[in-house]
N, C-alpha and C. Protein backbone atom coordinates (compact mmCIF):
# COMPACT_ATOMS: atom_id res chain seq x y z
N MET A 1 165.50 130.20 46.80
CA MET A 1 165.39 131.64 46.98
C MET A 1 165.13 132.30 45.62
N LYS A 2 164.35 133.34 45.67
CA LYS A 2 164.04 134.06 44.44
C LYS A 2 165.11 135.10 44.14
N GLN A 3 165.27 135.37 42.86
CA GLN A 3 166.19 136.42 42.43
C GLN A 3 165.58 137.78 42.81
N THR A 4 166.43 138.74 43.11
CA THR A 4 165.94 140.09 43.40
C THR A 4 165.75 140.83 42.09
N GLN A 5 165.23 142.04 42.16
CA GLN A 5 164.94 142.82 40.96
C GLN A 5 166.19 143.10 40.13
N ASN A 6 167.34 143.30 40.78
CA ASN A 6 168.55 143.60 40.02
C ASN A 6 169.26 142.32 39.58
N ASP A 7 168.55 141.18 39.63
CA ASP A 7 169.05 139.89 39.15
C ASP A 7 170.18 139.32 39.99
N THR A 8 170.36 139.82 41.22
CA THR A 8 171.35 139.27 42.14
C THR A 8 170.64 138.33 43.09
N HIS A 9 171.18 137.16 43.27
CA HIS A 9 170.59 136.19 44.19
C HIS A 9 170.68 136.75 45.61
N PRO A 10 169.63 136.59 46.42
CA PRO A 10 169.65 137.13 47.79
C PRO A 10 170.84 136.66 48.62
N LEU A 11 171.26 135.43 48.44
CA LEU A 11 172.42 134.94 49.18
C LEU A 11 173.68 135.70 48.78
N GLU A 12 173.81 136.00 47.50
CA GLU A 12 174.96 136.77 47.03
C GLU A 12 174.95 138.17 47.65
N SER A 13 173.77 138.77 47.75
CA SER A 13 173.65 140.10 48.38
C SER A 13 174.06 140.05 49.84
N LEU A 14 173.62 139.00 50.56
CA LEU A 14 174.00 138.87 51.97
C LEU A 14 175.50 138.67 52.13
N LEU A 15 176.09 137.86 51.26
CA LEU A 15 177.54 137.65 51.34
C LEU A 15 178.30 138.95 51.09
N GLN A 16 177.86 139.72 50.11
CA GLN A 16 178.51 141.00 49.82
C GLN A 16 178.37 141.96 51.00
N GLN A 17 177.20 141.94 51.64
CA GLN A 17 176.93 142.84 52.76
C GLN A 17 177.68 142.42 54.02
N ASP A 18 177.60 141.13 54.36
CA ASP A 18 178.13 140.67 55.65
C ASP A 18 179.54 140.11 55.58
N CYS A 19 180.01 139.78 54.39
CA CYS A 19 181.35 139.19 54.23
C CYS A 19 182.06 139.87 53.06
N PRO A 20 182.33 141.16 53.15
CA PRO A 20 182.91 141.88 52.01
C PRO A 20 184.28 141.34 51.59
N ASN A 21 184.99 140.66 52.49
CA ASN A 21 186.31 140.11 52.15
C ASN A 21 186.22 138.65 51.70
N GLY A 22 184.99 138.17 51.50
CA GLY A 22 184.80 136.79 51.07
C GLY A 22 184.67 135.85 52.25
N VAL A 23 184.54 134.59 51.95
CA VAL A 23 184.40 133.56 52.98
C VAL A 23 185.41 132.46 52.74
N GLU A 24 185.80 131.80 53.81
CA GLU A 24 186.76 130.70 53.72
C GLU A 24 186.03 129.44 53.30
N PHE A 25 186.60 128.72 52.33
CA PHE A 25 186.02 127.46 51.88
C PHE A 25 186.44 126.35 52.82
N LYS A 26 185.48 125.57 53.26
CA LYS A 26 185.76 124.39 54.09
C LYS A 26 184.91 123.25 53.58
N GLU A 27 185.50 122.07 53.57
CA GLU A 27 184.73 120.89 53.21
C GLU A 27 183.91 120.47 54.42
N LEU A 28 182.72 119.95 54.18
CA LEU A 28 181.85 119.56 55.29
C LEU A 28 182.52 118.58 56.22
N ARG A 29 183.33 117.68 55.68
CA ARG A 29 183.96 116.67 56.54
C ARG A 29 184.95 117.28 57.54
N GLU A 30 185.34 118.55 57.33
CA GLU A 30 186.25 119.20 58.27
C GLU A 30 185.58 119.48 59.61
N PHE A 31 184.26 119.64 59.61
CA PHE A 31 183.61 119.96 60.88
C PHE A 31 182.38 119.11 61.19
N LEU A 32 182.08 118.14 60.34
CA LEU A 32 180.99 117.22 60.62
C LEU A 32 181.52 115.80 60.75
N GLN A 33 180.99 115.08 61.69
CA GLN A 33 181.34 113.67 61.84
C GLN A 33 180.05 112.88 61.95
N TYR A 34 180.06 111.69 61.40
CA TYR A 34 178.91 110.81 61.52
C TYR A 34 179.38 109.45 61.96
N LYS A 35 178.77 108.96 63.00
CA LYS A 35 179.07 107.61 63.46
C LYS A 35 177.76 106.84 63.48
N GLN A 36 177.77 105.66 62.91
CA GLN A 36 176.60 104.80 62.91
C GLN A 36 176.32 104.40 64.36
N PRO A 37 175.18 104.79 64.93
CA PRO A 37 174.92 104.50 66.34
C PRO A 37 174.70 103.02 66.64
N THR A 38 174.25 102.28 65.66
CA THR A 38 174.03 100.84 65.84
C THR A 38 174.61 100.10 64.65
N LYS A 39 174.71 98.80 64.77
CA LYS A 39 175.18 98.00 63.64
C LYS A 39 174.15 98.11 62.52
N HIS A 40 174.64 98.00 61.29
CA HIS A 40 173.73 98.00 60.15
C HIS A 40 172.84 96.76 60.24
N ILE A 41 171.58 96.96 60.04
CA ILE A 41 170.65 95.84 60.06
C ILE A 41 170.16 95.64 58.63
N ALA A 42 170.61 94.58 58.01
CA ALA A 42 170.23 94.31 56.63
C ALA A 42 169.91 92.83 56.48
N LYS A 43 168.85 92.56 55.75
CA LYS A 43 168.49 91.18 55.49
C LYS A 43 169.38 90.60 54.40
N ASP A 44 169.82 91.45 53.48
CA ASP A 44 170.62 91.00 52.34
C ASP A 44 171.86 91.87 52.26
N THR A 45 173.03 91.27 52.19
CA THR A 45 174.27 92.05 52.14
C THR A 45 174.84 92.17 50.73
N SER A 46 174.14 91.66 49.73
CA SER A 46 174.64 91.79 48.36
C SER A 46 174.39 93.22 47.87
N CYS A 47 175.28 93.71 47.03
CA CYS A 47 175.18 95.08 46.52
C CYS A 47 174.79 95.06 45.05
N CYS A 48 174.17 96.12 44.62
CA CYS A 48 173.79 96.28 43.23
C CYS A 48 174.75 97.28 42.60
N ASP A 49 175.45 96.88 41.55
CA ASP A 49 176.41 97.76 40.87
C ASP A 49 175.77 98.60 39.78
N GLU A 50 174.46 98.54 39.67
CA GLU A 50 173.75 99.25 38.62
C GLU A 50 173.82 100.77 38.81
N TYR A 51 173.96 101.22 40.05
CA TYR A 51 173.96 102.65 40.36
C TYR A 51 175.30 103.07 40.94
N GLU A 52 175.54 104.37 40.96
CA GLU A 52 176.79 104.91 41.48
C GLU A 52 176.99 104.56 42.95
N MET A 53 175.90 104.59 43.72
CA MET A 53 175.95 104.27 45.15
C MET A 53 175.35 102.88 45.34
N PRO A 54 176.17 101.87 45.57
CA PRO A 54 175.62 100.52 45.70
C PRO A 54 174.82 100.38 47.00
N VAL A 55 173.60 99.94 46.85
CA VAL A 55 172.75 99.70 48.03
C VAL A 55 172.11 98.33 47.94
């Protein structure tokens, strides 16, 4: 999103307009769930520790 002329981000303007008392913080895991629909299909089960997320 682009900044507005008064240097306020449009999302900030909407929050001030529609949520003057602020918004409640929630972690995504509080309302989202993910279940793997099928078994993982992988030819190789070894992991690479070179990166933060081993794949």
